[in-house]
Protein backbone atom coordinates (compact mmCIF):
# COMPACT_ATOMS: atom_id res chain seq x y z
CA MET A 1 40.70 24.49 -142.91
CA ALA A 2 36.99 23.79 -143.19
CA VAL A 3 36.40 24.82 -139.58
CA GLY A 4 38.03 28.20 -140.19
CA LEU A 5 35.93 28.74 -143.30
CA GLU A 6 32.79 27.79 -141.40
CA VAL A 7 33.59 30.29 -138.66
CA VAL A 8 34.23 33.07 -141.21
CA ALA A 9 30.97 32.31 -143.03
CA SER A 10 29.07 32.25 -139.74
CA ASN A 11 30.55 35.60 -138.72
CA ILE A 12 29.63 37.16 -142.07
CA ALA A 13 26.07 35.82 -141.79
CA SER A 14 25.74 37.16 -138.26
CA PHE A 15 27.06 40.58 -139.29
CA LEU A 16 24.68 40.83 -142.24
CA SER A 17 21.65 39.71 -140.22
CA ASN A 18 22.42 42.41 -137.65
CA LEU A 19 22.97 45.05 -140.34
CA ALA A 20 19.89 44.29 -142.49
CA PRO A 21 17.24 45.85 -140.21
CA ILE A 22 19.30 49.03 -139.89
CA ILE A 23 19.65 49.31 -143.66
CA SER A 24 15.95 48.55 -144.13
CA LEU A 25 14.76 51.21 -141.70
CA SER A 26 17.25 53.73 -143.05
CA LEU A 27 16.04 53.23 -146.62
CA ILE A 28 12.39 53.49 -145.60
CA LEU A 29 12.95 56.66 -143.55
CA LEU A 30 15.15 58.34 -146.15
CA GLY A 31 12.65 57.43 -148.85
CA GLY A 32 9.86 59.07 -146.86
CA ILE A 33 11.92 62.20 -146.23
CA LEU A 34 12.92 62.40 -149.88
CA TYR A 35 9.30 61.98 -150.96
CA GLY A 36 8.30 64.86 -148.68
CA VAL A 37 11.08 67.05 -150.03
CA ALA A 38 10.02 66.16 -153.57
CA GLN A 39 6.69 67.85 -152.97
CA THR A 40 8.49 71.19 -152.64
CA GLN A 41 10.23 70.85 -156.01
CA PRO A 42 9.04 72.28 -159.32
CA PRO A 43 6.95 69.90 -161.42
CA ASP A 44 9.72 69.15 -163.90
CA THR A 45 12.03 67.67 -161.24
CA ARG A 46 9.40 66.35 -158.83
CA GLY A 47 8.97 63.12 -160.78
CA LYS A 48 12.66 62.26 -160.56
CA TRP A 49 12.73 62.88 -156.82
CA GLN A 50 9.55 60.86 -156.28
CA THR A 51 10.94 57.98 -158.34
CA ALA A 52 14.10 57.91 -156.23
CA ALA A 53 12.06 58.09 -153.01
CA ILE A 54 9.72 55.25 -153.97
CA SER A 55 12.71 53.16 -155.08
CA MET A 56 14.36 53.67 -151.71
CA PHE A 57 11.14 52.79 -149.89
CA ILE A 58 10.60 49.60 -151.90
CA GLY A 59 14.26 48.65 -151.47
CA GLY A 60 13.88 49.00 -147.71
CA VAL A 61 10.78 46.81 -147.71
CA ILE A 62 12.55 44.14 -149.79
CA VAL A 63 15.63 44.15 -147.53
CA GLY A 64 13.34 43.88 -144.50
CA ALA A 65 11.41 40.99 -146.02
CA ILE A 66 14.58 39.10 -146.88
CA ALA A 67 16.04 39.75 -143.42
CA GLY A 68 12.82 38.55 -141.79
CA ALA A 69 12.73 35.39 -143.87
CA ALA A 70 16.48 34.68 -143.64
CA VAL A 71 16.14 31.91 -141.07
CA PHE A 72 13.44 30.16 -143.11
CA ILE A 73 15.49 30.53 -146.30
CA GLN A 74 18.56 29.12 -144.52
CA GLU A 75 16.65 26.10 -143.21
CA GLN A 76 15.11 25.34 -146.58
CA SER A 77 18.37 25.69 -148.50
CA SER A 78 20.34 23.57 -146.03
CA GLY A 79 17.72 20.85 -146.38
CA LEU A 80 18.43 20.70 -150.09
CA LEU A 81 22.05 19.73 -149.47
CA LYS A 82 21.30 16.68 -147.32
CA PRO A 83 21.35 13.29 -149.01
CA VAL A 84 18.00 11.61 -149.44
């Protein structure tokens, strides 16, 4: 049973590590496009559009940073589970 669970967890981790860069780049690009479109809006709605665009951009950067550091995070967290 544990072997099956390990395989499932490994497959999920592999899927997410392959998907994270795509999500990161998509958020960054869509944030940039939305920020550009926000410049064409009237002043009363421009702030809302810019806020959404910057949030998407920052979210993409955070996802990219976590995806880039995933191997290091995995090594450090697995070291915490070993007996001393």
